[in-house]
Amino acid sequence: MNEKLDAISDQLRTISDDLADIAIEALREAIDDKEFSGKRPEVERRVTRARRAVDKAAGILNESPGPSSP
């Protein structure tokens, strides 16, 4: 079962990298926009929140199991 969890964790890290790329692209597009307000685009904020959640999920899967409950 650990191998399956490791594989899923790896997939989540790949997804996290893809989301980071999308967030960077959104920031670049916003900066290139002539009407750039100086604020982070809403889509970049959502993608970054999703990336953090994916990172958290991958971290949870990689945690060592604690002592069993009675």
C-alpha atoms as a PDB file:
ATOM      1  CA  MET A   1       0.000   0.000   0.000  1.00  0.00           C
ATOM      2  CA  ASN A   2       2.907   2.391   0.688  1.00  0.00           C
ATOM      3  CA  GLU A   3       3.982   2.143  -2.943  1.00  0.00           C
ATOM      4  CA  LYS A   4       0.529   3.268  -4.088  1.00  0.00           C
ATOM      5  CA  LEU A   5       0.574   6.188  -1.663  1.00  0.00           C
ATOM      6  CA  ASP A   6       4.057   7.170  -2.831  1.00  0.00           C
ATOM      7  CA  ALA A   7       2.868   7.084  -6.442  1.00  0.00           C
ATOM      8  CA  ILE A   8      -0.123   9.285  -5.643  1.00  0.00           C
ATOM      9  CA  SER A   9       2.112  11.663  -3.694  1.00  0.00           C
ATOM     10  CA  ASP A  10       4.398  11.938  -6.732  1.00  0.00           C
ATOM     11  CA  GLN A  11       1.396  12.675  -8.948  1.00  0.00           C
ATOM     12  CA  LEU A  12       0.271  15.384  -6.539  1.00  0.00           C
ATOM     13  CA  ARG A  13       3.718  16.975  -6.641  1.00  0.00           C
ATOM     14  CA  THR A  14       3.553  16.998 -10.445  1.00  0.00           C
ATOM     15  CA  ILE A  15       0.142  18.659 -10.250  1.00  0.00           C
ATOM     16  CA  SER A  16       1.574  21.195  -7.797  1.00  0.00           C
ATOM     17  CA  ASP A  17       4.354  22.034 -10.257  1.00  0.00           C
ATOM     18  CA  ASP A  18       1.797  22.452 -13.052  1.00  0.00           C
ATOM     19  CA  LEU A  19      -0.306  24.758 -10.880  1.00  0.00           C
ATOM     20  CA  ALA A  20       2.776  26.822 -10.003  1.00  0.00           C
ATOM     21  CA  ASP A  21       3.511  27.233 -13.719  1.00  0.00           C
ATOM     22  CA  ILE A  22      -0.065  28.390 -14.336  1.00  0.00           C
ATOM     23  CA  ALA A  23       0.160  30.899 -11.468  1.00  0.00           C
ATOM     24  CA  ILE A  24       3.401  32.327 -12.844  1.00  0.00           C
ATOM     25  CA  GLU A  25       1.850  32.584 -16.301  1.00  0.00           C
ATOM     26  CA  ALA A  26      -1.141  34.458 -14.828  1.00  0.00           C
ATOM     27  CA  LEU A  27       1.210  36.894 -13.088  1.00  0.00           C
ATOM     28  CA  ARG A  28       3.198  37.478 -16.266  1.00  0.00           C
ATOM     29  CA  GLU A  29       0.025  38.121 -18.252  1.00  0.00           C
ATOM     30  CA  ALA A  30      -1.171  40.578 -15.612  1.00  0.00           C
ATOM     31  CA  ILE A  31       2.129  42.448 -15.652  1.00  0.00           C
ATOM     32  CA  ASP A  32       2.049  42.629 -19.452  1.00  0.00           C
ATOM     33  CA  ASP A  33      -1.505  44.030 -19.327  1.00  0.00           C
ATOM     34  CA  LYS A  34      -1.480  47.781 -19.910  1.00  0.00           C
ATOM     35  CA  GLU A  35      -4.231  48.186 -17.310  1.00  0.00           C
ATOM     36  CA  PHE A  36      -2.332  46.272 -14.589  1.00  0.00           C
ATOM     37  CA  SER A  37      -3.551  47.548 -11.218  1.00  0.00           C
ATOM     38  CA  GLY A  38      -0.628  46.203  -9.199  1.00  0.00           C
ATOM     39  CA  LYS A  39      -2.830  43.616  -7.482  1.00  0.00           C
ATOM     40  CA  ARG A  40      -2.452  39.884  -7.905  1.00  0.00           C
ATOM     41  CA  PRO A  41      -4.970  38.515 -10.401  1.00  0.00           C
ATOM     42  CA  GLU A  42      -7.862  36.581  -8.876  1.00  0.00           C
ATOM     43  CA  VAL A  43      -7.070  33.497 -10.971  1.00  0.00           C
ATOM     44  CA  GLU A  44      -3.493  33.464  -9.648  1.00  0.00           C
ATOM     45  CA  ARG A  45      -4.755  33.608  -6.061  1.00  0.00           C
ATOM     46  CA  ARG A  46      -7.132  30.677  -6.642  1.00  0.00           C
ATOM     47  CA  VAL A  47      -4.473  28.607  -8.378  1.00  0.00           C
ATOM     48  CA  THR A  48      -1.995  29.321  -5.576  1.00  0.00           C
ATOM     49  CA  ARG A  49      -4.548  28.265  -2.948  1.00  0.00           C
ATOM     50  CA  ALA A  50      -5.184  25.055  -4.881  1.00  0.00           C
ATOM     51  CA  ARG A  51      -1.437  24.407  -5.159  1.00  0.00           C
ATOM     52  CA  ARG A  52      -1.015  24.810  -1.410  1.00  0.00           C
ATOM     53  CA  ALA A  53      -3.852  22.345  -0.798  1.00  0.00           C
ATOM     54  CA  VAL A  54      -2.250  19.836  -3.169  1.00  0.00           C
ATOM     55  CA  ASP A  55       1.114  20.292  -1.418  1.00  0.00           C
ATOM     56  CA  LYS A  56      -0.575  19.701   1.928  1.00  0.00           C
ATOM     57  CA  ALA A  57      -2.231  16.517   0.633  1.00  0.00           C
ATOM     58  CA  ALA A  58       1.093  15.219  -0.691  1.00  0.00           C
ATOM     59  CA  GLY A  59       2.714  15.963   2.663  1.00  0.00           C
ATOM     60  CA  ILE A  60      -0.013  14.128   4.551  1.00  0.00           C
ATOM     61  CA  LEU A  61       0.488  11.053   2.376  1.00  0.00           C
ATOM     62  CA  ASN A  62       4.225  11.126   3.118  1.00  0.00           C
ATOM     63  CA  GLU A  63       3.793  11.338   6.903  1.00  0.00           C
ATOM     64  CA  SER A  64       5.003   8.431   8.957  1.00  0.00           C
ATOM     65  CA  PRO A  65       2.156   6.623  10.622  1.00  0.00           C
ATOM     66  CA  GLY A  66       1.891   7.455  14.290  1.00  0.00           C
ATOM     67  CA  PRO A  67       1.123   5.029  17.076  1.00  0.00           C
ATOM     68  CA  SER A  68      -2.127   3.165  16.600  1.00  0.00           C
ATOM     69  CA  SER A  69      -5.088   4.173  18.642  1.00  0.00           C
ATOM     70  CA  PRO A  70      -6.351   1.698  21.199  1.00  0.00           C
END
